[in-house]
Amino acid sequence: MHKNFNNLRVGDILRLNDDTHSVIILEVHDDKIVVAEGNYNGCVHWGREISRLEVRLTGTYVMTRYPKEQ
């Protein structure tokens, strides 16, 4: 787990809104990320775009499967 929202990778799980919502990162761009999320009006929602600013403002932490960078 980490809180470096500048180091997001495909496959990471991002916790948002004071640790109340999870999204899985599908794409990473300079100005936004694209995610999939569950329990979005009762179903899985693919392709939501979240700006990097929104990630910084509402992000709680990141769960990653990538090794820690040295």
C-alpha atoms as a PDB file:
ATOM      1  CA  MET A   1       0.000   0.000   0.000  1.00  0.00           C
ATOM      2  CA  HIS A   2       1.100   3.567  -0.610  1.00  0.00           C
ATOM      3  CA  LYS A   3      -0.221   7.114  -0.859  1.00  0.00           C
ATOM      4  CA  ASN A   4       1.833   8.340  -3.817  1.00  0.00           C
ATOM      5  CA  PHE A   5      -0.960   9.277  -6.234  1.00  0.00           C
ATOM      6  CA  ASN A   6       1.669  10.218  -8.826  1.00  0.00           C
ATOM      7  CA  ASN A   7       2.688   6.546  -9.001  1.00  0.00           C
ATOM      8  CA  LEU A   8      -0.495   4.856 -10.234  1.00  0.00           C
ATOM      9  CA  ARG A   9      -0.321   1.752 -12.418  1.00  0.00           C
ATOM     10  CA  VAL A  10      -2.725  -0.422 -14.362  1.00  0.00           C
ATOM     11  CA  GLY A  11      -4.174  -3.028 -12.003  1.00  0.00           C
ATOM     12  CA  ASP A  12      -3.806  -0.926  -8.858  1.00  0.00           C
ATOM     13  CA  ILE A  13      -6.813  -0.624  -6.569  1.00  0.00           C
ATOM     14  CA  LEU A  14      -7.464   2.969  -5.595  1.00  0.00           C
ATOM     15  CA  ARG A  15      -9.448   3.723  -2.442  1.00  0.00           C
ATOM     16  CA  LEU A  16     -11.401   6.985  -2.602  1.00  0.00           C
ATOM     17  CA  ASN A  17     -13.695   9.170  -0.513  1.00  0.00           C
ATOM     18  CA  ASP A  18     -12.291   8.555   2.969  1.00  0.00           C
ATOM     19  CA  ASP A  19     -11.782   4.836   2.304  1.00  0.00           C
ATOM     20  CA  THR A  20     -15.418   4.208   1.278  1.00  0.00           C
ATOM     21  CA  HIS A  21     -15.088   3.377  -2.444  1.00  0.00           C
ATOM     22  CA  SER A  22     -12.691   1.238  -4.498  1.00  0.00           C
ATOM     23  CA  VAL A  23     -11.853   1.430  -8.193  1.00  0.00           C
ATOM     24  CA  ILE A  24      -9.481  -0.658 -10.305  1.00  0.00           C
ATOM     25  CA  ILE A  25      -7.206   1.285 -12.617  1.00  0.00           C
ATOM     26  CA  LEU A  26      -7.523   0.260 -16.279  1.00  0.00           C
ATOM     27  CA  GLU A  27      -5.528   3.050 -17.939  1.00  0.00           C
ATOM     28  CA  VAL A  28      -3.128   5.736 -16.724  1.00  0.00           C
ATOM     29  CA  HIS A  29      -2.738   9.024 -18.594  1.00  0.00           C
ATOM     30  CA  ASP A  30      -0.927  12.274 -17.774  1.00  0.00           C
ATOM     31  CA  ASP A  31      -4.136  14.120 -16.827  1.00  0.00           C
ATOM     32  CA  LYS A  32      -6.551  11.309 -15.888  1.00  0.00           C
ATOM     33  CA  ILE A  33      -7.032   7.653 -15.076  1.00  0.00           C
ATOM     34  CA  VAL A  34      -9.674   5.272 -16.454  1.00  0.00           C
ATOM     35  CA  VAL A  35     -11.221   2.842 -13.992  1.00  0.00           C
ATOM     36  CA  ALA A  36     -13.704   0.041 -13.433  1.00  0.00           C
ATOM     37  CA  GLU A  37     -15.859   0.108 -10.334  1.00  0.00           C
ATOM     38  CA  GLY A  38     -18.405  -2.146  -8.732  1.00  0.00           C
ATOM     39  CA  ASN A  39     -21.700  -1.318  -7.053  1.00  0.00           C
ATOM     40  CA  TYR A  40     -22.264   1.609  -9.399  1.00  0.00           C
ATOM     41  CA  ASN A  41     -26.061   1.784  -9.457  1.00  0.00           C
ATOM     42  CA  GLY A  42     -26.085  -1.942  -8.720  1.00  0.00           C
ATOM     43  CA  CYS A  43     -23.707  -3.038 -11.483  1.00  0.00           C
ATOM     44  CA  VAL A  44     -20.098  -2.910 -12.666  1.00  0.00           C
ATOM     45  CA  HIS A  45     -19.207   0.288 -14.513  1.00  0.00           C
ATOM     46  CA  TRP A  46     -16.312   0.260 -16.992  1.00  0.00           C
ATOM     47  CA  GLY A  47     -14.490   3.270 -18.366  1.00  0.00           C
ATOM     48  CA  ARG A  48     -15.088   6.051 -15.848  1.00  0.00           C
ATOM     49  CA  GLU A  49     -12.489   8.785 -16.226  1.00  0.00           C
ATOM     50  CA  ILE A  50     -11.159  10.451 -13.088  1.00  0.00           C
ATOM     51  CA  SER A  51      -8.938  13.517 -13.340  1.00  0.00           C
ATOM     52  CA  ARG A  52      -5.575  13.505 -11.581  1.00  0.00           C
ATOM     53  CA  LEU A  53      -6.798  16.478  -9.526  1.00  0.00           C
ATOM     54  CA  GLU A  54      -9.814  14.497  -8.285  1.00  0.00           C
ATOM     55  CA  VAL A  55      -7.527  11.580  -7.387  1.00  0.00           C
ATOM     56  CA  ARG A  56      -5.329  13.899  -5.311  1.00  0.00           C
ATOM     57  CA  LEU A  57      -8.353  15.486  -3.611  1.00  0.00           C
ATOM     58  CA  THR A  58     -10.357  12.312  -2.852  1.00  0.00           C
ATOM     59  CA  GLY A  59      -7.748   9.538  -2.833  1.00  0.00           C
ATOM     60  CA  THR A  60      -7.194   7.679   0.423  1.00  0.00           C
ATOM     61  CA  TYR A  61      -4.513   5.136  -0.577  1.00  0.00           C
ATOM     62  CA  VAL A  62      -3.429   2.749  -3.326  1.00  0.00           C
ATOM     63  CA  MET A  63      -3.171  -1.030  -3.078  1.00  0.00           C
ATOM     64  CA  THR A  64      -0.694  -2.323  -5.618  1.00  0.00           C
ATOM     65  CA  ARG A  65       0.773  -5.645  -6.656  1.00  0.00           C
ATOM     66  CA  TYR A  66       3.914  -4.043  -8.034  1.00  0.00           C
ATOM     67  CA  PRO A  67       7.125  -4.228  -6.010  1.00  0.00           C
ATOM     68  CA  LYS A  68       8.149  -1.133  -4.086  1.00  0.00           C
ATOM     69  CA  GLU A  69      10.428   1.115  -6.126  1.00  0.00           C
ATOM     70  CA  GLN A  70      13.868   1.670  -4.675  1.00  0.00           C
END
